[in-house]
């Protein structure tokens, strides 16, 4: 999976912005809240994203995935290599992460998106 495809998919969503944090970490946000982070300075490229409670329990035990350092208490998963997940699955993951973060935003902000 190429980072440009991920980037295009994320930026098509209402209210999404991107930024660089912690050096070379491409971060996607909705309402200034992060929903996906990609470690561009890593080889291979790594990723972290928000998941549901059920998804967290399931994914953290899969090969190449773990509870994201510093973000695990918020139900974030870290992936060692973005290439291990097929493109269609990335779309699902990013859509879910976006929705989970968006639904926690204040109602007024949600409506403005």
C-alpha atoms as a PDB file:
ATOM      1  CA  UNK A   1       0.000   0.000   0.000  1.00  0.00           C
ATOM      2  CA  UNK A   2       1.416   3.334  -0.991  1.00  0.00           C
ATOM      3  CA  UNK A   3       1.199   6.270   1.352  1.00  0.00           C
ATOM      4  CA  UNK A   4      -0.198   8.493  -1.424  1.00  0.00           C
ATOM      5  CA  UNK A   5      -3.253   6.236  -1.774  1.00  0.00           C
ATOM      6  CA  UNK A   6      -3.786   6.403   1.995  1.00  0.00           C
ATOM      7  CA  UNK A   7      -3.325  10.170   1.942  1.00  0.00           C
ATOM      8  CA  UNK A   8      -5.836  10.647  -0.881  1.00  0.00           C
ATOM      9  CA  UNK A   9      -8.388   8.454   0.877  1.00  0.00           C
ATOM     10  CA  UNK A  10      -8.075  10.340   4.179  1.00  0.00           C
ATOM     11  CA  UNK A  11      -8.216  13.797   2.614  1.00  0.00           C
ATOM     12  CA  UNK A  12     -11.490  12.977   0.840  1.00  0.00           C
ATOM     13  CA  UNK A  13     -13.275  12.815   4.180  1.00  0.00           C
ATOM     14  CA  UNK A  14     -15.113  15.902   5.455  1.00  0.00           C
ATOM     15  CA  UNK A  15     -13.086  18.085   7.805  1.00  0.00           C
ATOM     16  CA  UNK A  16      -9.835  16.100   7.568  1.00  0.00           C
ATOM     17  CA  UNK A  17      -6.537  17.921   7.856  1.00  0.00           C
ATOM     18  CA  UNK A  18      -3.024  16.577   7.730  1.00  0.00           C
ATOM     19  CA  UNK A  19       0.148  17.581   9.474  1.00  0.00           C
ATOM     20  CA  UNK A  20       3.607  16.426  10.412  1.00  0.00           C
ATOM     21  CA  UNK A  21       4.211  15.629  14.085  1.00  0.00           C
ATOM     22  CA  UNK A  22       7.206  14.261  15.954  1.00  0.00           C
ATOM     23  CA  UNK A  23       9.538  14.741  13.003  1.00  0.00           C
ATOM     24  CA  UNK A  24       8.402  12.608  10.081  1.00  0.00           C
ATOM     25  CA  UNK A  25       5.027  11.300  11.249  1.00  0.00           C
ATOM     26  CA  UNK A  26       2.229  12.090   8.814  1.00  0.00           C
ATOM     27  CA  UNK A  27      -0.878  12.636  10.919  1.00  0.00           C
ATOM     28  CA  UNK A  28      -4.504  12.834   9.810  1.00  0.00           C
ATOM     29  CA  UNK A  29      -6.990  14.670  12.012  1.00  0.00           C
ATOM     30  CA  UNK A  30     -10.664  15.512  12.145  1.00  0.00           C
ATOM     31  CA  UNK A  31     -11.614  18.454  14.341  1.00  0.00           C
ATOM     32  CA  UNK A  32      -7.945  18.663  15.377  1.00  0.00           C
ATOM     33  CA  UNK A  33      -8.153  15.142  16.857  1.00  0.00           C
ATOM     34  CA  UNK A  34      -5.854  12.491  15.403  1.00  0.00           C
ATOM     35  CA  UNK A  35      -7.303   9.378  13.814  1.00  0.00           C
ATOM     36  CA  UNK A  36      -4.264   7.976  11.947  1.00  0.00           C
ATOM     37  CA  UNK A  37      -0.485   8.373  12.149  1.00  0.00           C
ATOM     38  CA  UNK A  38       2.107   7.107   9.663  1.00  0.00           C
ATOM     39  CA  UNK A  39       5.806   6.870  10.525  1.00  0.00           C
ATOM     40  CA  UNK A  40       7.387   8.010   7.278  1.00  0.00           C
ATOM     41  CA  UNK A  41      10.850   7.930   8.849  1.00  0.00           C
ATOM     42  CA  UNK A  42      10.525   4.191   9.463  1.00  0.00           C
ATOM     43  CA  UNK A  43      11.492   1.434   7.035  1.00  0.00           C
ATOM     44  CA  UNK A  44       9.075  -0.105   6.414  1.00  0.00           C
ATOM     45  CA  UNK A  45       6.508   2.635   7.027  1.00  0.00           C
ATOM     46  CA  UNK A  46       4.606   2.096  10.279  1.00  0.00           C
ATOM     47  CA  UNK A  47       1.104   3.195  11.227  1.00  0.00           C
ATOM     48  CA  UNK A  48      -1.122   3.730  14.249  1.00  0.00           C
ATOM     49  CA  UNK A  49      -4.872   4.230  14.241  1.00  0.00           C
ATOM     50  CA  UNK A  50      -7.926   4.332  16.513  1.00  0.00           C
ATOM     51  CA  UNK A  51     -10.101   1.207  16.705  1.00  0.00           C
ATOM     52  CA  UNK A  52     -13.218   0.073  18.529  1.00  0.00           C
ATOM     53  CA  UNK A  53     -12.951  -1.769  21.841  1.00  0.00           C
ATOM     54  CA  UNK A  54     -13.631  -5.078  20.058  1.00  0.00           C
ATOM     55  CA  UNK A  55     -11.147  -4.281  17.310  1.00  0.00           C
ATOM     56  CA  UNK A  56      -8.509  -3.435  19.893  1.00  0.00           C
ATOM     57  CA  UNK A  57      -8.867  -6.788  21.648  1.00  0.00           C
ATOM     58  CA  UNK A  58      -8.747  -8.661  18.350  1.00  0.00           C
ATOM     59  CA  UNK A  59      -6.024  -6.749  16.486  1.00  0.00           C
ATOM     60  CA  UNK A  60      -3.449  -6.322  19.259  1.00  0.00           C
ATOM     61  CA  UNK A  61      -2.752 -10.062  19.158  1.00  0.00           C
ATOM     62  CA  UNK A  62      -2.345 -10.366  15.384  1.00  0.00           C
ATOM     63  CA  UNK A  63       1.075 -10.807  13.849  1.00  0.00           C
ATOM     64  CA  UNK A  64       2.713  -7.460  13.041  1.00  0.00           C
ATOM     65  CA  UNK A  65       0.266  -5.517  15.207  1.00  0.00           C
ATOM     66  CA  UNK A  66       0.292  -4.421  18.823  1.00  0.00           C
ATOM     67  CA  UNK A  67      -1.228  -1.921  21.194  1.00  0.00           C
ATOM     68  CA  UNK A  68       0.184   1.461  20.154  1.00  0.00           C
ATOM     69  CA  UNK A  69       2.743   2.870  22.579  1.00  0.00           C
ATOM     70  CA  UNK A  70       1.406   5.916  24.479  1.00  0.00           C
ATOM     71  CA  UNK A  71      -2.021   5.555  22.814  1.00  0.00           C
ATOM     72  CA  UNK A  72      -3.118   2.062  23.856  1.00  0.00           C
ATOM     73  CA  UNK A  73      -5.314   3.386  26.658  1.00  0.00           C
ATOM     74  CA  UNK A  74      -7.324   5.177  23.952  1.00  0.00           C
ATOM     75  CA  UNK A  75      -7.647   1.936  21.919  1.00  0.00           C
ATOM     76  CA  UNK A  76      -5.037   2.592  19.244  1.00  0.00           C
ATOM     77  CA  UNK A  77      -3.251  -0.157  17.288  1.00  0.00           C
ATOM     78  CA  UNK A  78       0.269   0.049  15.840  1.00  0.00           C
ATOM     79  CA  UNK A  79       1.215  -1.768  12.630  1.00  0.00           C
ATOM     80  CA  UNK A  80       4.861  -2.638  11.878  1.00  0.00           C
ATOM     81  CA  UNK A  81       4.505  -2.363   8.094  1.00  0.00           C
ATOM     82  CA  UNK A  82       1.666  -0.706   6.189  1.00  0.00           C
ATOM     83  CA  UNK A  83       2.338  -3.148   3.342  1.00  0.00           C
ATOM     84  CA  UNK A  84       1.039  -6.078   5.378  1.00  0.00           C
ATOM     85  CA  UNK A  85      -2.539  -4.787   5.099  1.00  0.00           C
ATOM     86  CA  UNK A  86      -4.303  -4.844   1.693  1.00  0.00           C
ATOM     87  CA  UNK A  87      -5.645  -1.597   0.228  1.00  0.00           C
ATOM     88  CA  UNK A  88      -9.325  -2.470   0.698  1.00  0.00           C
ATOM     89  CA  UNK A  89      -8.715  -3.302   4.376  1.00  0.00           C
ATOM     90  CA  UNK A  90      -6.853   0.015   4.848  1.00  0.00           C
ATOM     91  CA  UNK A  91      -9.903   1.839   3.537  1.00  0.00           C
ATOM     92  CA  UNK A  92     -12.082   0.059   6.128  1.00  0.00           C
ATOM     93  CA  UNK A  93      -9.614   0.748   8.947  1.00  0.00           C
ATOM     94  CA  UNK A  94      -9.288   4.435   8.093  1.00  0.00           C
ATOM     95  CA  UNK A  95     -13.048   4.865   7.668  1.00  0.00           C
ATOM     96  CA  UNK A  96     -13.698   3.301  11.072  1.00  0.00           C
ATOM     97  CA  UNK A  97     -10.941   5.304  12.770  1.00  0.00           C
ATOM     98  CA  UNK A  98     -12.284   8.541  11.275  1.00  0.00           C
ATOM     99  CA  UNK A  99     -15.835   7.750  12.435  1.00  0.00           C
ATOM    100  CA  UNK A 100     -14.733   6.786  15.956  1.00  0.00           C
ATOM    101  CA  UNK A 101     -12.867  10.051  16.438  1.00  0.00           C
ATOM    102  CA  UNK A 102     -15.512  12.177  14.715  1.00  0.00           C
ATOM    103  CA  UNK A 103     -18.307  10.850  16.933  1.00  0.00           C
ATOM    104  CA  UNK A 104     -16.401  12.006  20.035  1.00  0.00           C
ATOM    105  CA  UNK A 105     -16.244  15.600  18.781  1.00  0.00           C
ATOM    106  CA  UNK A 106     -18.736  18.129  20.168  1.00  0.00           C
ATOM    107  CA  UNK A 107     -22.101  17.891  18.363  1.00  0.00           C
ATOM    108  CA  UNK A 108     -21.790  21.404  16.977  1.00  0.00           C
ATOM    109  CA  UNK A 109     -18.426  20.594  15.423  1.00  0.00           C
ATOM    110  CA  UNK A 110     -19.752  17.312  13.999  1.00  0.00           C
ATOM    111  CA  UNK A 111     -22.610  19.148  12.321  1.00  0.00           C
ATOM    112  CA  UNK A 112     -20.267  21.703  10.785  1.00  0.00           C
ATOM    113  CA  UNK A 113     -18.328  18.930   9.044  1.00  0.00           C
END
